[in-house]
Amino acid sequence: MVENERRFRDIRAYRVGWLLVICDFLFAFPLLWIWQKRTTKGIKLDYLGDRKQIEQDIKHGAFFMTNHRDIVLDAAWLSKLLRCRYFIRPFIGIGNNLFAYKWIEVLVRFNRCFVVKRGAGAHAQLKNSKLLSAYIRLLRSQGKSIWLAQREGRAKDGNDLTQASVLHMLTLDGDDFFENVKMLNICPVSLSYEYDPCDYLKAAEMQLKRDNPRWRKTKRDDVRSMKTGIRGEKGHVVYRLTPSINPEIDAMLTAHPEYRELPLHEQMDLVCAIIDRHIHRGYELFERGTEFDTYIESRLALIDIPNKDEAFLREKLYEMYRFPVMNYRRAMMN
């Protein structure tokens, strides 16, 4: 254990179980309850498929892979829901690009978060990915549950697709790709916000990136997104759990044993498609009446950037709410 703590010193969550319980019930849970009451119309934990099977998967430790909307609350609220219903607290992967201040890193690592290092050169990134992969395998070998987003960063246009590079990182510490994925016990989770409080910030970022391909967010931008995500109105919020994808992988390989001989990138694409299908089928679709047009115009008015392209921004705002509906309908046809 001491050797592992040394090896994973720079990325591991801090081991302070008693302090975690105190933080949960005296600090984290009350704050999450306040944010829920002030910024949502309710948060719901739901299921897609056999609930007993899902609960059995959770019992043995699950890898919760979700779409990603809010930097802070996506994982925090799911963690609270799982803690209250099943008395488990997943370990949470969080990118070091969000550590604008040192105290943020210390706080989140005390709250069962481990560090996903980003922004390094190719050689350093490969080294970091191998270390992270080994740490995640260690957690899963101990029966621990884990939360990680399906992609690096949030899908700004609402088109939630699993990045193959995430699966590649998760399976670096092993030989057989499909067996490595099954060891993780991935349980996709669909996250649906009626309203995305950061929608106007995301639209602005898309124009800034369009106008200047070299544009990059600053730490100040990340802090602003975190604050807006926490404080902004979200309407109804729904988390929908699905069973482990392991039986689906087994069925696929039984029907097509030749898939084991495919190049790695094609194997990753097959698994990404399975995860995406589960996430897309689990979306909660919200009614959008004529008042939604008024909402979009109100969000457009909040955007303050040079050379503001209202037609482009308006289309991007509509697009990020349209993509989940399109993906849901496509997934239900397959």
C-alpha atoms as a PDB file:
ATOM      1  CA  MET A   1       0.000   0.000   0.000  1.00  0.00           C
ATOM      2  CA  VAL A   2       2.818   2.414   0.893  1.00  0.00           C
ATOM      3  CA  GLU A   3       4.527   1.652  -2.423  1.00  0.00           C
ATOM      4  CA  ASN A   4       1.317   2.438  -4.325  1.00  0.00           C
ATOM      5  CA  GLU A   5       0.849   5.678  -2.422  1.00  0.00           C
ATOM      6  CA  ARG A   6       4.348   6.740  -3.457  1.00  0.00           C
ATOM      7  CA  ARG A   7       3.806   5.696  -7.073  1.00  0.00           C
ATOM      8  CA  PHE A   8       0.495   7.527  -7.407  1.00  0.00           C
ATOM      9  CA  ARG A   9       1.359  10.410  -5.065  1.00  0.00           C
ATOM     10  CA  ASP A  10       0.774  13.154  -7.659  1.00  0.00           C
ATOM     11  CA  ILE A  11      -2.618  11.917  -8.863  1.00  0.00           C
ATOM     12  CA  ARG A  12      -4.308   9.842  -6.158  1.00  0.00           C
ATOM     13  CA  ALA A  13      -7.271  10.843  -4.032  1.00  0.00           C
ATOM     14  CA  TYR A  14      -6.259  11.381  -0.412  1.00  0.00           C
ATOM     15  CA  ARG A  15      -7.018   8.477   1.947  1.00  0.00           C
ATOM     16  CA  VAL A  16      -9.002  10.089   4.773  1.00  0.00           C
ATOM     17  CA  GLY A  17     -12.214   8.072   5.152  1.00  0.00           C
ATOM     18  CA  TRP A  18     -13.328   9.600   8.449  1.00  0.00           C
ATOM     19  CA  LEU A  19     -12.695  13.137   7.161  1.00  0.00           C
ATOM     20  CA  LEU A  20     -14.640  12.340   3.984  1.00  0.00           C
ATOM     21  CA  VAL A  21     -17.708  11.367   6.024  1.00  0.00           C
ATOM     22  CA  ILE A  22     -17.447  14.576   8.047  1.00  0.00           C
ATOM     23  CA  CYS A  23     -17.057  16.659   4.880  1.00  0.00           C
ATOM     24  CA  ASP A  24     -20.050  14.890   3.296  1.00  0.00           C
ATOM     25  CA  PHE A  25     -22.546  15.481   6.062  1.00  0.00           C
ATOM     26  CA  LEU A  26     -21.319  18.779   7.507  1.00  0.00           C
ATOM     27  CA  PHE A  27     -20.144  20.563   4.366  1.00  0.00           C
ATOM     28  CA  ALA A  28     -20.646  18.943   0.931  1.00  0.00           C
ATOM     29  CA  PHE A  29     -24.200  17.586   1.311  1.00  0.00           C
ATOM     30  CA  PRO A  30     -25.669  20.783   2.809  1.00  0.00           C
ATOM     31  CA  LEU A  31     -24.071  22.850   0.027  1.00  0.00           C
ATOM     32  CA  LEU A  32     -25.351  20.498  -2.682  1.00  0.00           C
ATOM     33  CA  TRP A  33     -28.820  20.591  -1.122  1.00  0.00           C
ATOM     34  CA  ILE A  34     -28.775  24.413  -1.112  1.00  0.00           C
ATOM     35  CA  TRP A  35     -27.646  24.548  -4.767  1.00  0.00           C
ATOM     36  CA  GLN A  36     -30.293  21.994  -5.689  1.00  0.00           C
ATOM     37  CA  LYS A  37     -33.079  24.009  -4.043  1.00  0.00           C
ATOM     38  CA  ARG A  38     -31.915  27.328  -5.472  1.00  0.00           C
ATOM     39  CA  THR A  39     -31.051  26.303  -9.039  1.00  0.00           C
ATOM     40  CA  THR A  40     -33.167  23.253  -9.992  1.00  0.00           C
ATOM     41  CA  LYS A  41     -36.754  22.037 -10.056  1.00  0.00           C
ATOM     42  CA  GLY A  42     -35.591  18.687  -8.701  1.00  0.00           C
ATOM     43  CA  ILE A  43     -32.897  16.065  -9.297  1.00  0.00           C
ATOM     44  CA  LYS A  44     -33.957  12.531 -10.183  1.00  0.00           C
ATOM     45  CA  LEU A  45     -32.025   9.241 -10.189  1.00  0.00           C
ATOM     46  CA  ASP A  46     -33.609   6.869 -12.704  1.00  0.00           C
ATOM     47  CA  TYR A  47     -32.819   3.601 -14.499  1.00  0.00           C
ATOM     48  CA  LEU A  48     -32.773   2.345 -18.078  1.00  0.00           C
ATOM     49  CA  GLY A  49     -33.089  -1.416 -18.235  1.00  0.00           C
ATOM     50  CA  ASP A  50     -33.167  -3.966 -15.432  1.00  0.00           C
ATOM     51  CA  ARG A  51     -32.833  -2.063 -12.154  1.00  0.00           C
ATOM     52  CA  LYS A  52     -31.845  -5.204 -10.228  1.00  0.00           C
ATOM     53  CA  GLN A  53     -29.036  -5.847 -12.708  1.00  0.00           C
ATOM     54  CA  ILE A  54     -27.854  -2.258 -12.398  1.00  0.00           C
ATOM     55  CA  GLU A  55     -27.826  -2.528  -8.611  1.00  0.00           C
ATOM     56  CA  GLN A  56     -25.901  -5.798  -8.856  1.00  0.00           C
ATOM     57  CA  ASP A  57     -23.318  -4.083 -11.077  1.00  0.00           C
ATOM     58  CA  ILE A  58     -23.012  -1.256  -8.564  1.00  0.00           C
ATOM     59  CA  LYS A  59     -22.581  -3.740  -5.717  1.00  0.00           C
ATOM     60  CA  HIS A  60     -19.435  -5.109  -7.367  1.00  0.00           C
ATOM     61  CA  GLY A  61     -18.073  -1.669  -8.186  1.00  0.00           C
ATOM     62  CA  ALA A  62     -18.965   0.224 -11.341  1.00  0.00           C
ATOM     63  CA  PHE A  63     -17.231   2.588 -13.697  1.00  0.00           C
ATOM     64  CA  PHE A  64     -19.791   5.339 -14.219  1.00  0.00           C
ATOM     65  CA  MET A  65     -19.082   6.941 -17.595  1.00  0.00           C
ATOM     66  CA  THR A  66     -21.317   9.922 -18.325  1.00  0.00           C
ATOM     67  CA  ASN A  67     -21.899  12.703 -20.749  1.00  0.00           C
ATOM     68  CA  HIS A  68     -20.667  16.016 -19.385  1.00  0.00           C
ATOM     69  CA  ARG A  69     -22.487  19.320 -18.903  1.00  0.00           C
ATOM     70  CA  ASP A  70     -21.220  21.081 -15.776  1.00  0.00           C
ATOM     71  CA  ILE A  71     -17.619  21.139 -14.527  1.00  0.00           C
ATOM     72  CA  VAL A  72     -18.439  20.730 -10.833  1.00  0.00           C
ATOM     73  CA  LEU A  73     -21.976  19.468 -10.338  1.00  0.00           C
ATOM     74  CA  ASP A  74     -22.214  16.565 -12.821  1.00  0.00           C
ATOM     75  CA  ALA A  75     -20.094  14.313 -10.630  1.00  0.00           C
ATOM     76  CA  ALA A  76     -20.969  15.944  -7.293  1.00  0.00           C
ATOM     77  CA  TRP A  77     -24.726  15.398  -7.538  1.00  0.00           C
ATOM     78  CA  LEU A  78     -24.359  11.841  -8.864  1.00  0.00           C
ATOM     79  CA  SER A  79     -21.980  11.088  -5.999  1.00  0.00           C
ATOM     80  CA  LYS A  80     -24.521  12.425  -3.500  1.00  0.00           C
ATOM     81  CA  LEU A  81     -27.371  10.407  -5.059  1.00  0.00           C
ATOM     82  CA  LEU A  82     -25.332   7.196  -4.976  1.00  0.00           C
ATOM     83  CA  ARG A  83     -24.162   7.880  -1.431  1.00  0.00           C
ATOM     84  CA  CYS A  84     -27.718   8.367  -0.172  1.00  0.00           C
ATOM     85  CA  ARG A  85     -29.272   5.434  -2.052  1.00  0.00           C
ATOM     86  CA  TYR A  86     -26.488   2.821  -2.084  1.00  0.00           C
ATOM     87  CA  PHE A  87     -23.986   4.222   0.433  1.00  0.00           C
ATOM     88  CA  ILE A  88     -21.183   4.260  -2.122  1.00  0.00           C
ATOM     89  CA  ARG A  89     -19.017   7.212  -3.054  1.00  0.00           C
ATOM     90  CA  PRO A  90     -17.284   6.863  -6.440  1.00  0.00           C
ATOM     91  CA  PHE A  91     -13.778   8.118  -7.007  1.00  0.00           C
ATOM     92  CA  ILE A  92     -13.957  11.046  -9.431  1.00  0.00           C
ATOM     93  CA  GLY A  93     -11.529  11.927 -12.215  1.00  0.00           C
ATOM     94  CA  ILE A  94     -10.945  15.677 -12.580  1.00  0.00           C
ATOM     95  CA  GLY A  95      -8.617  17.458 -15.004  1.00  0.00           C
ATOM     96  CA  ASN A  96      -5.733  19.446 -13.544  1.00  0.00           C
ATOM     97  CA  ASN A  97      -6.631  22.292 -15.924  1.00  0.00           C
ATOM     98  CA  LEU A  98      -9.384  23.191 -13.419  1.00  0.00           C
ATOM     99  CA  PHE A  99      -6.948  23.798 -10.574  1.00  0.00           C
ATOM    100  CA  ALA A 100      -6.816  27.563 -10.928  1.00  0.00           C
ATOM    101  CA  TYR A 101      -5.765  27.744  -7.275  1.00  0.00           C
ATOM    102  CA  LYS A 102      -3.837  25.253  -5.144  1.00  0.00           C
ATOM    103  CA  TRP A 103      -6.623  25.050  -2.543  1.00  0.00           C
ATOM    104  CA  ILE A 104      -9.009  23.703  -5.216  1.00  0.00           C
ATOM    105  CA  GLU A 105      -6.730  20.719  -5.837  1.00  0.00           C
ATOM    106  CA  VAL A 106      -6.333  20.034  -2.104  1.00  0.00           C
ATOM    107  CA  LEU A 107     -10.091  20.283  -1.521  1.00  0.00           C
ATOM    108  CA  VAL A 108     -11.133  17.975  -4.348  1.00  0.00           C
ATOM    109  CA  ARG A 109      -8.468  15.378  -3.555  1.00  0.00           C
ATOM    110  CA  PHE A 110      -9.772  15.275   0.016  1.00  0.00           C
ATOM    111  CA  ASN A 111     -13.192  14.595  -1.527  1.00  0.00           C
ATOM    112  CA  ARG A 112     -12.238  11.375  -3.309  1.00  0.00           C
ATOM    113  CA  CYS A 113     -11.083  12.994  -6.563  1.00  0.00           C
ATOM    114  CA  PHE A 114      -8.020  11.861  -8.479  1.00  0.00           C
ATOM    115  CA  VAL A 115      -6.112  13.992 -10.975  1.00  0.00           C
ATOM    116  CA  VAL A 116      -6.266  13.584 -14.762  1.00  0.00           C
ATOM    117  CA  LYS A 117      -3.170  15.434 -15.970  1.00  0.00           C
ATOM    118  CA  ARG A 118      -3.609  17.336 -19.228  1.00  0.00           C
ATOM    119  CA  GLY A 119      -1.701  19.799 -21.361  1.00  0.00           C
ATOM    120  CA  ALA A 120       1.715  18.095 -21.321  1.00  0.00           C
ATOM    121  CA  GLY A 121       3.906  17.205 -24.313  1.00  0.00           C
ATOM    122  CA  ALA A 122       3.402  13.916 -26.149  1.00  0.00           C
ATOM    123  CA  HIS A 123       6.006  11.951 -24.173  1.00  0.00           C
ATOM    124  CA  ALA A 124       4.882  13.299 -20.795  1.00  0.00           C
ATOM    125  CA  GLN A 125       1.228  12.767 -21.711  1.00  0.00           C
ATOM    126  CA  LEU A 126       1.847   9.101 -22.509  1.00  0.00           C
ATOM    127  CA  LYS A 127       3.641   8.657 -19.181  1.00  0.00           C
ATOM    128  CA  ASN A 128       0.791  10.381 -17.325  1.00  0.00           C
ATOM    129  CA  SER A 129      -1.811   8.261 -19.119  1.00  0.00           C
ATOM    130  CA  LYS A 130      -0.039   5.008 -18.226  1.00  0.00           C
ATOM    131  CA  LEU A 131       0.170   6.054 -14.591  1.00  0.00           C
ATOM    132  CA  LEU A 132      -3.500   7.022 -14.508  1.00  0.00           C
ATOM    133  CA  SER A 133      -4.500   3.771 -16.208  1.00  0.00           C
ATOM    134  CA  ALA A 134      -2.579   1.785 -13.574  1.00  0.00           C
ATOM    135  CA  TYR A 135      -4.192   3.773 -10.758  1.00  0.00           C
ATOM    136  CA  ILE A 136      -7.680   3.153 -12.124  1.00  0.00           C
ATOM    137  CA  ARG A 137      -6.955  -0.570 -12.489  1.00  0.00           C
ATOM    138  CA  LEU A 138      -5.810  -0.588  -8.849  1.00  0.00           C
ATOM    139  CA  LEU A 139      -9.052   1.058  -7.722  1.00  0.00           C
ATOM    140  CA  ARG A 140     -11.156  -1.387  -9.730  1.00  0.00           C
ATOM    141  CA  SER A 141      -9.175  -4.375  -8.410  1.00  0.00           C
ATOM    142  CA  GLN A 142     -10.209  -3.180  -4.947  1.00  0.00           C
ATOM    143  CA  GLY A 143     -13.876  -3.057  -5.982  1.00  0.00           C
ATOM    144  CA  LYS A 144     -14.020   0.743  -5.941  1.00  0.00           C
ATOM    145  CA  SER A 145     -16.505   2.642  -8.104  1.00  0.00           C
ATOM    146  CA  ILE A 146     -15.274   5.433 -10.387  1.00  0.00           C
ATOM    147  CA  TRP A 147     -16.799   8.397 -12.245  1.00  0.00           C
ATOM    148  CA  LEU A 148     -15.294   9.785 -15.421  1.00  0.00           C
ATOM    149  CA  ALA A 149     -16.684  11.831 -18.290  1.00  0.00           C
ATOM    150  CA  GLN A 150     -16.874  10.162 -21.711  1.00  0.00           C
ATOM    151  CA  ARG A 151     -14.650  12.843 -23.227  1.00  0.00           C
ATOM    152  CA  GLU A 152     -12.023  15.395 -22.289  1.00  0.00           C
ATOM    153  CA  GLY A 153     -13.977  18.554 -21.556  1.00  0.00           C
ATOM    154  CA  ARG A 154     -17.657  19.157 -22.161  1.00  0.00           C
ATOM    155  CA  ALA A 155     -19.473  18.689 -25.466  1.00  0.00           C
ATOM    156  CA  LYS A 156     -20.173  22.354 -26.135  1.00  0.00           C
ATOM    157  CA  ASP A 157     -22.614  21.599 -28.965  1.00  0.00           C
ATOM    158  CA  GLY A 158     -24.547  18.971 -26.967  1.00  0.00           C
ATOM    159  CA  ASN A 159     -23.398  16.152 -29.264  1.00  0.00           C
ATOM    160  CA  ASP A 160     -22.263  13.652 -26.633  1.00  0.00           C
ATOM    161  CA  LEU A 161     -19.821  11.167 -28.178  1.00  0.00           C
ATOM    162  CA  THR A 162     -17.288   9.029 -26.318  1.00  0.00           C
ATOM    163  CA  GLN A 163     -13.714   9.841 -27.236  1.00  0.00           C
ATOM    164  CA  ALA A 164     -11.670   6.819 -28.231  1.00  0.00           C
ATOM    165  CA  SER A 165      -8.658   8.472 -26.589  1.00  0.00           C
ATOM    166  CA  VAL A 166     -10.396   8.161 -23.195  1.00  0.00           C
ATOM    167  CA  LEU A 167     -10.853   4.399 -23.665  1.00  0.00           C
ATOM    168  CA  HIS A 168      -7.276   4.152 -24.901  1.00  0.00           C
ATOM    169  CA  MET A 169      -6.019   5.872 -21.749  1.00  0.00           C
ATOM    170  CA  LEU A 170      -8.130   3.613 -19.520  1.00  0.00           C
ATOM    171  CA  THR A 171      -6.772   0.432 -21.090  1.00  0.00           C
ATOM    172  CA  LEU A 172      -3.076   1.247 -21.510  1.00  0.00           C
ATOM    173  CA  ASP A 173      -2.098  -0.860 -18.507  1.00  0.00           C
ATOM    174  CA  GLY A 174      -2.962  -4.239 -20.042  1.00  0.00           C
ATOM    175  CA  ASP A 175      -2.788  -6.381 -23.193  1.00  0.00           C
ATOM    176  CA  ASP A 176      -6.267  -7.466 -24.372  1.00  0.00           C
ATOM    177  CA  PHE A 177      -8.394  -4.379 -25.079  1.00  0.00           C
ATOM    178  CA  PHE A 178     -11.817  -5.990 -24.700  1.00  0.00           C
ATOM    179  CA  GLU A 179     -10.845  -7.769 -21.482  1.00  0.00           C
ATOM    180  CA  ASN A 180      -9.410  -4.532 -20.098  1.00  0.00           C
ATOM    181  CA  VAL A 181     -12.678  -2.740 -20.845  1.00  0.00           C
ATOM    182  CA  LYS A 182     -14.687  -5.518 -19.174  1.00  0.00           C
ATOM    183  CA  MET A 183     -12.494  -5.262 -16.072  1.00  0.00           C
ATOM    184  CA  LEU A 184     -13.599  -1.634 -15.719  1.00  0.00           C
ATOM    185  CA  ASN A 185     -17.281  -2.694 -15.628  1.00  0.00           C
ATOM    186  CA  ILE A 186     -18.485   0.410 -17.468  1.00  0.00           C
ATOM    187  CA  CYS A 187     -22.037   1.466 -16.592  1.00  0.00           C
ATOM    188  CA  PRO A 188     -23.031   4.393 -18.842  1.00  0.00           C
ATOM    189  CA  VAL A 189     -24.992   7.197 -17.214  1.00  0.00           C
ATOM    190  CA  SER A 190     -27.151   9.694 -19.096  1.00  0.00           C
ATOM    191  CA  LEU A 191     -27.230  13.186 -17.628  1.00  0.00           C
ATOM    192  CA  SER A 192     -29.973  15.575 -18.748  1.00  0.00           C
ATOM    193  CA  TYR A 193     -30.325  19.234 -17.766  1.00  0.00           C
ATOM    194  CA  GLU A 194     -33.511  21.005 -18.778  1.00  0.00           C
ATOM    195  CA  TYR A 195     -31.421  24.171 -19.107  1.00  0.00           C
ATOM    196  CA  ASP A 196     -27.643  24.400 -19.293  1.00  0.00           C
ATOM    197  CA  PRO A 197     -26.548  27.425 -17.232  1.00  0.00           C
ATOM    198  CA  CYS A 198     -23.305  27.616 -19.227  1.00  0.00           C
ATOM    199  CA  ASP A 199     -24.975  27.462 -22.651  1.00  0.00           C
ATOM    200  CA  TYR A 200     -24.247  31.097 -23.523  1.00  0.00           C
ATOM    201  CA  LEU A 201     -20.607  30.740 -22.415  1.00  0.00           C
ATOM    202  CA  LYS A 202     -20.195  27.655 -24.608  1.00  0.00           C
ATOM    203  CA  ALA A 203     -21.734  29.436 -27.603  1.00  0.00           C
ATOM    204  CA  ALA A 204     -19.356  32.359 -27.092  1.00  0.00           C
ATOM    205  CA  GLU A 205     -16.398  29.967 -26.946  1.00  0.00           C
ATOM    206  CA  MET A 206     -17.463  28.395 -30.233  1.00  0.00           C
ATOM    207  CA  GLN A 207     -17.458  31.764 -32.012  1.00  0.00           C
ATOM    208  CA  LEU A 208     -14.135  32.765 -30.449  1.00  0.00           C
ATOM    209  CA  LYS A 209     -12.669  29.460 -31.632  1.00  0.00           C
ATOM    210  CA  ARG A 210     -14.195  29.925 -35.080  1.00  0.00           C
ATOM    211  CA  ASP A 211     -12.766  33.418 -35.434  1.00  0.00           C
ATOM    212  CA  ASN A 212      -9.363  32.452 -34.067  1.00  0.00           C
ATOM    213  CA  PRO A 213      -8.462  28.721 -34.259  1.00  0.00           C
ATOM    214  CA  ARG A 214      -5.580  29.358 -31.844  1.00  0.00           C
ATOM    215  CA  TRP A 215      -7.878  30.757 -29.148  1.00  0.00           C
ATOM    216  CA  ARG A 216      -7.683  28.900 -25.826  1.00  0.00           C
ATOM    217  CA  LYS A 217      -9.596  29.226 -22.569  1.00  0.00           C
ATOM    218  CA  THR A 218      -7.756  30.714 -19.618  1.00  0.00           C
ATOM    219  CA  LYS A 219      -7.937  29.593 -15.990  1.00  0.00           C
ATOM    220  CA  ARG A 220     -10.105  32.630 -15.404  1.00  0.00           C
ATOM    221  CA  ASP A 221     -12.550  31.315 -18.029  1.00  0.00           C
ATOM    222  CA  ASP A 222     -12.660  27.935 -16.253  1.00  0.00           C
ATOM    223  CA  VAL A 223     -13.379  29.594 -12.909  1.00  0.00           C
ATOM    224  CA  ARG A 224     -16.168  31.644 -14.502  1.00  0.00           C
ATOM    225  CA  SER A 225     -17.686  28.470 -15.994  1.00  0.00           C
ATOM    226  CA  MET A 226     -17.539  26.739 -12.614  1.00  0.00           C
ATOM    227  CA  LYS A 227     -19.270  29.640 -10.863  1.00  0.00           C
ATOM    228  CA  THR A 228     -21.913  29.966 -13.583  1.00  0.00           C
ATOM    229  CA  GLY A 229     -22.578  26.225 -13.583  1.00  0.00           C
ATOM    230  CA  ILE A 230     -23.085  26.166  -9.815  1.00  0.00           C
ATOM    231  CA  ARG A 231     -25.252  29.283  -9.529  1.00  0.00           C
ATOM    232  CA  GLY A 232     -27.241  29.154 -12.799  1.00  0.00           C
ATOM    233  CA  GLU A 233     -30.794  27.886 -13.313  1.00  0.00           C
ATOM    234  CA  LYS A 234     -31.001  24.288 -14.551  1.00  0.00           C
ATOM    235  CA  GLY A 235     -34.669  23.342 -14.394  1.00  0.00           C
ATOM    236  CA  HIS A 236     -35.180  19.585 -14.026  1.00  0.00           C
ATOM    237  CA  VAL A 237     -32.065  17.390 -13.781  1.00  0.00           C
ATOM    238  CA  VAL A 238     -32.160  13.640 -14.485  1.00  0.00           C
ATOM    239  CA  TYR A 239     -29.464  10.992 -14.038  1.00  0.00           C
ATOM    240  CA  ARG A 240     -30.339   7.696 -15.718  1.00  0.00           C
ATOM    241  CA  LEU A 241     -28.209   4.641 -14.916  1.00  0.00           C
ATOM    242  CA  THR A 242     -27.811   1.751 -17.342  1.00  0.00           C
ATOM    243  CA  PRO A 243     -26.415  -1.753 -16.744  1.00  0.00           C
ATOM    244  CA  SER A 244     -22.808  -2.745 -17.387  1.00  0.00           C
ATOM    245  CA  ILE A 245     -21.888  -3.021 -21.062  1.00  0.00           C
ATOM    246  CA  ASN A 246     -19.957  -6.263 -20.384  1.00  0.00           C
ATOM    247  CA  PRO A 247     -22.770  -8.638 -21.510  1.00  0.00           C
ATOM    248  CA  GLU A 248     -23.132  -6.619 -24.717  1.00  0.00           C
ATOM    249  CA  ILE A 249     -19.398  -6.894 -25.395  1.00  0.00           C
ATOM    250  CA  ASP A 250     -19.528 -10.660 -24.788  1.00  0.00           C
ATOM    251  CA  ALA A 251     -22.504 -11.045 -27.135  1.00  0.00           C
ATOM    252  CA  MET A 252     -20.750  -8.985 -29.811  1.00  0.00           C
ATOM    253  CA  LEU A 253     -17.560 -11.065 -29.592  1.00  0.00           C
ATOM    254  CA  THR A 254     -19.524 -14.331 -29.630  1.00  0.00           C
ATOM    255  CA  ALA A 255     -21.291 -13.257 -32.807  1.00  0.00           C
ATOM    256  CA  HIS A 256     -18.131 -11.763 -34.328  1.00  0.00           C
ATOM    257  CA  PRO A 257     -14.989 -13.431 -32.894  1.00  0.00           C
ATOM    258  CA  GLU A 258     -13.012 -11.817 -35.726  1.00  0.00           C
ATOM    259  CA  TYR A 259     -13.392  -8.466 -33.944  1.00  0.00           C
ATOM    260  CA  ARG A 260     -10.580  -9.548 -31.613  1.00  0.00           C
ATOM    261  CA  GLU A 261      -8.218  -9.321 -34.578  1.00  0.00           C
ATOM    262  CA  LEU A 262      -9.226  -5.816 -35.624  1.00  0.00           C
ATOM    263  CA  PRO A 263      -6.805  -2.889 -35.266  1.00  0.00           C
ATOM    264  CA  LEU A 264      -7.022  -1.241 -31.861  1.00  0.00           C
ATOM    265  CA  HIS A 265      -8.681   1.942 -33.122  1.00  0.00           C
ATOM    266  CA  GLU A 266     -11.507  -0.084 -34.671  1.00  0.00           C
ATOM    267  CA  GLN A 267     -11.998  -2.055 -31.455  1.00  0.00           C
ATOM    268  CA  MET A 268     -12.212   1.226 -29.539  1.00  0.00           C
ATOM    269  CA  ASP A 269     -14.784   2.564 -32.006  1.00  0.00           C
ATOM    270  CA  LEU A 270     -16.974  -0.503 -31.410  1.00  0.00           C
ATOM    271  CA  VAL A 271     -16.982   0.029 -27.646  1.00  0.00           C
ATOM    272  CA  CYS A 272     -17.486   3.797 -28.003  1.00  0.00           C
ATOM    273  CA  ALA A 273     -20.600   3.079 -30.097  1.00  0.00           C
ATOM    274  CA  ILE A 274     -22.017   0.817 -27.362  1.00  0.00           C
ATOM    275  CA  ILE A 275     -21.446   3.455 -24.680  1.00  0.00           C
ATOM    276  CA  ASP A 276     -22.934   6.212 -26.844  1.00  0.00           C
ATOM    277  CA  ARG A 277     -26.034   4.167 -27.624  1.00  0.00           C
ATOM    278  CA  HIS A 278     -26.730   3.619 -23.905  1.00  0.00           C
ATOM    279  CA  ILE A 279     -26.173   7.279 -23.037  1.00  0.00           C
ATOM    280  CA  HIS A 280     -28.334   8.513 -25.910  1.00  0.00           C
ATOM    281  CA  ARG A 281     -31.199   6.133 -25.078  1.00  0.00           C
ATOM    282  CA  GLY A 282     -31.137   7.340 -21.491  1.00  0.00           C
ATOM    283  CA  TYR A 283     -31.716  11.028 -22.240  1.00  0.00           C
ATOM    284  CA  GLU A 284     -34.658  12.773 -20.640  1.00  0.00           C
ATOM    285  CA  LEU A 285     -36.389  14.807 -23.370  1.00  0.00           C
ATOM    286  CA  PHE A 286     -37.977  18.025 -22.131  1.00  0.00           C
ATOM    287  CA  GLU A 287     -40.945  19.806 -23.666  1.00  0.00           C
ATOM    288  CA  ARG A 288     -39.850  22.935 -25.534  1.00  0.00           C
ATOM    289  CA  GLY A 289     -42.760  25.302 -26.161  1.00  0.00           C
ATOM    290  CA  THR A 290     -42.792  28.696 -27.832  1.00  0.00           C
ATOM    291  CA  GLU A 291     -41.357  30.234 -24.656  1.00  0.00           C
ATOM    292  CA  PHE A 292     -38.101  28.439 -25.458  1.00  0.00           C
ATOM    293  CA  ASP A 293     -37.449  30.973 -28.237  1.00  0.00           C
ATOM    294  CA  THR A 294     -37.657  33.720 -25.615  1.00  0.00           C
ATOM    295  CA  TYR A 295     -35.208  31.799 -23.431  1.00  0.00           C
ATOM    296  CA  ILE A 296     -32.719  31.515 -26.311  1.00  0.00           C
ATOM    297  CA  GLU A 297     -32.907  35.256 -26.985  1.00  0.00           C
ATOM    298  CA  SER A 298     -32.299  35.968 -23.293  1.00  0.00           C
ATOM    299  CA  ARG A 299     -29.158  33.813 -23.367  1.00  0.00           C
ATOM    300  CA  LEU A 300     -27.991  35.479 -26.565  1.00  0.00           C
ATOM    301  CA  ALA A 301     -28.250  38.852 -24.828  1.00  0.00           C
ATOM    302  CA  LEU A 302     -25.774  37.685 -22.147  1.00  0.00           C
ATOM    303  CA  ILE A 303     -22.975  37.122 -24.659  1.00  0.00           C
ATOM    304  CA  ASP A 304     -20.436  39.934 -24.745  1.00  0.00           C
ATOM    305  CA  ILE A 305     -17.593  39.246 -27.169  1.00  0.00           C
ATOM    306  CA  PRO A 306     -15.900  41.186 -29.988  1.00  0.00           C
ATOM    307  CA  ASN A 307     -17.616  41.026 -33.413  1.00  0.00           C
ATOM    308  CA  LYS A 308     -20.640  39.273 -31.939  1.00  0.00           C
ATOM    309  CA  ASP A 309     -22.225  37.124 -34.668  1.00  0.00           C
ATOM    310  CA  GLU A 310     -25.806  36.821 -33.459  1.00  0.00           C
ATOM    311  CA  ALA A 311     -26.966  34.485 -36.242  1.00  0.00           C
ATOM    312  CA  PHE A 312     -24.101  32.054 -35.555  1.00  0.00           C
ATOM    313  CA  LEU A 313     -24.531  32.240 -31.779  1.00  0.00           C
ATOM    314  CA  ARG A 314     -28.295  31.755 -31.960  1.00  0.00           C
ATOM    315  CA  GLU A 315     -27.849  28.653 -34.121  1.00  0.00           C
ATOM    316  CA  LYS A 316     -25.266  27.236 -31.706  1.00  0.00           C
ATOM    317  CA  LEU A 317     -27.588  27.789 -28.740  1.00  0.00           C
ATOM    318  CA  TYR A 318     -30.404  25.939 -30.485  1.00  0.00           C
ATOM    319  CA  GLU A 319     -27.980  23.251 -31.630  1.00  0.00           C
ATOM    320  CA  MET A 320     -26.834  22.282 -28.151  1.00  0.00           C
ATOM    321  CA  TYR A 321     -30.449  21.547 -27.164  1.00  0.00           C
ATOM    322  CA  ARG A 322     -31.261  19.894 -30.503  1.00  0.00           C
ATOM    323  CA  PHE A 323     -28.436  17.329 -30.578  1.00  0.00           C
ATOM    324  CA  PRO A 324     -29.644  15.247 -27.589  1.00  0.00           C
ATOM    325  CA  VAL A 325     -33.077  14.890 -29.223  1.00  0.00           C
ATOM    326  CA  MET A 326     -31.519  13.826 -32.540  1.00  0.00           C
ATOM    327  CA  ASN A 327     -29.150  11.359 -30.845  1.00  0.00           C
ATOM    328  CA  TYR A 328     -31.996   9.898 -28.763  1.00  0.00           C
ATOM    329  CA  ARG A 329     -34.146   9.263 -31.807  1.00  0.00           C
ATOM    330  CA  ARG A 330     -31.244   7.753 -33.736  1.00  0.00           C
ATOM    331  CA  ALA A 331     -30.316   5.464 -30.832  1.00  0.00           C
ATOM    332  CA  MET A 332     -33.897   4.251 -30.407  1.00  0.00           C
ATOM    333  CA  MET A 333     -33.961   3.204 -34.072  1.00  0.00           C
ATOM    334  CA  ASN A 334     -30.869   0.978 -33.675  1.00  0.00           C
END
